[in-house]
Structure formats: structure tokens, C-alpha cells
Amino acid sequence: MHLVVDPLGVVHCLYEELIDLSSLGQLSIRRASHVEPDAQGRWFADLAPVGGPRLGAFARRSEAHAAERAWLEARWLSAVPAEGQLRP
């Protein structure tokens, strides 16, 4: 589990239950994506909630989840602003 702390002290992460995140302070949990099957049983990871692409098709749900996690860690979580580059 990756925890990224921005210059304001806000912790960003992909939600997991490895630790009790409420111990870090007040939580604000938002959906970053949707993993859903289509009518043919193929799986897609839709990252539109964070401005990302639709990934897939995947034969297995676990493959869609793995792609979702990889994309979020590489492109969304790593985009947390550095000092002096705060988001509005």
C-alpha cells in the first residue's frame, strides 16, 4: 500500500484495509474507477472518475483490477502535487 503525503499534510492512497486509515485523520473516500463486465462477459476498468481511460477488454475480473491498480498508481497517485505545486 502506497501512502503519499502532499505538502499540506493530506494523505492520498488507493483504499485498502491493511491499516486503519481513520487513524490518520478524517477520511474523504471517493471512487476512482469502476470495474464492470460487458454483455459478453469481458471486463473493463473505467477510470473516467479521475479523468482516465477505459481499460480492457479483459477475460478475468482480476486482470481488470490489476490494470486499474497499475494505472492509478502510475498516473493518478504519482500525480499528487509536490511542494510548491499545489492543486487549487
Protein backbone atom coordinates (compact mmCIF):
# COMPACT_ATOMS: atom_id res chain seq x y z
CA MET A 1 0.00 0.00 0.00
CA HIS A 2 1.39 3.37 -1.05
CA LEU A 3 0.65 6.42 1.09
CA VAL A 4 1.51 9.79 -0.50
CA VAL A 5 1.53 12.87 1.70
CA ASP A 6 1.13 16.19 -0.11
CA PRO A 7 2.68 19.46 1.11
CA LEU A 8 -0.48 20.29 3.09
CA GLY A 9 -0.20 17.01 5.01
CA VAL A 10 -3.09 15.33 3.17
CA VAL A 11 -2.57 11.60 2.70
CA HIS A 12 -3.50 10.10 -0.68
CA CYS A 13 -3.76 6.37 -1.34
CA LEU A 14 -5.69 3.60 -3.01
CA TYR A 15 -8.05 2.31 -0.35
CA GLU A 16 -7.10 -0.96 1.28
CA GLU A 17 -7.81 -2.40 4.69
CA LEU A 18 -4.18 -3.14 5.56
CA ILE A 19 -4.20 -0.32 8.10
CA ASP A 20 -6.98 1.63 9.78
CA LEU A 21 -6.89 4.79 7.65
CA SER A 22 -9.06 6.66 10.14
CA SER A 23 -6.04 6.68 12.47
CA LEU A 24 -4.50 9.23 10.07
CA GLY A 25 -7.38 11.67 10.48
CA GLN A 26 -10.73 12.46 8.88
CA LEU A 27 -11.38 10.35 5.78
CA SER A 28 -12.62 11.51 2.40
CA ILE A 29 -13.13 8.45 0.22
CA ARG A 30 -14.02 8.85 -3.46
CA ARG A 31 -14.42 6.32 -6.24
CA ALA A 32 -11.59 6.45 -8.77
CA SER A 33 -12.92 3.87 -11.21
CA HIS A 34 -15.48 1.21 -12.00
CA VAL A 35 -14.66 -2.40 -12.91
CA GLU A 36 -17.62 -3.94 -14.72
CA PRO A 37 -18.35 -6.68 -17.26
CA ASP A 38 -19.95 -6.12 -20.63
CA ALA A 39 -22.75 -8.23 -22.14
CA GLN A 40 -20.19 -10.77 -23.44
CA GLY A 41 -18.57 -11.25 -20.00
CA ARG A 42 -15.43 -9.27 -20.80
CA TRP A 43 -14.16 -7.00 -18.03
CA PHE A 44 -13.33 -3.29 -18.28
CA ALA A 45 -11.81 -0.79 -15.85
CA ASP A 46 -13.34 2.64 -16.43
CA LEU A 47 -11.13 5.35 -14.94
CA ALA A 48 -13.36 8.25 -16.03
CA PRO A 49 -13.97 9.42 -12.41
CA VAL A 50 -10.30 10.56 -12.29
CA GLY A 51 -10.12 11.65 -15.93
CA GLY A 52 -8.59 8.41 -17.13
CA PRO A 53 -9.28 5.95 -19.95
CA ARG A 54 -11.38 2.82 -20.19
CA LEU A 55 -9.05 -0.18 -19.95
CA GLY A 56 -9.87 -3.60 -21.40
CA ALA A 57 -11.25 -5.89 -22.50
CA PHE A 58 -10.01 -8.49 -20.02
CA ALA A 59 -11.04 -12.12 -19.75
CA ARG A 60 -10.92 -12.04 -15.95
CA ARG A 61 -12.10 -9.54 -13.38
CA SER A 62 -8.78 -9.87 -11.56
CA GLU A 63 -6.95 -8.75 -14.72
CA ALA A 64 -9.12 -5.63 -14.93
CA HIS A 65 -8.44 -4.88 -11.26
CA ALA A 66 -4.69 -5.32 -11.78
CA ALA A 67 -4.74 -2.93 -14.75
CA GLU A 68 -6.85 -0.47 -12.75
CA ARG A 69 -4.39 -0.50 -9.83
CA ALA A 70 -1.35 -0.17 -12.11
CA TRP A 71 -2.86 2.80 -13.93
CA LEU A 72 -3.93 4.54 -10.72
CA GLU A 73 -0.55 4.07 -9.06
CA ALA A 74 1.42 5.18 -12.13
CA ARG A 75 -0.70 8.09 -13.31
CA TRP A 76 -3.06 9.24 -10.57
CA LEU A 77 -1.34 8.61 -7.25
CA SER A 78 2.03 9.70 -8.61
CA ALA A 79 0.42 12.99 -9.76
CA VAL A 80 -0.07 14.21 -6.18
CA PRO A 81 1.49 17.68 -6.30
CA ALA A 82 4.97 18.28 -4.96
CA GLU A 83 5.82 21.22 -2.71
CA GLY A 84 5.16 24.50 -4.47
CA GLN A 85 2.81 22.85 -6.98
CA LEU A 86 -0.43 22.73 -5.02
CA ARG A 87 -3.66 21.98 -6.80
CA PRO A 88 -6.45 24.57 -6.47
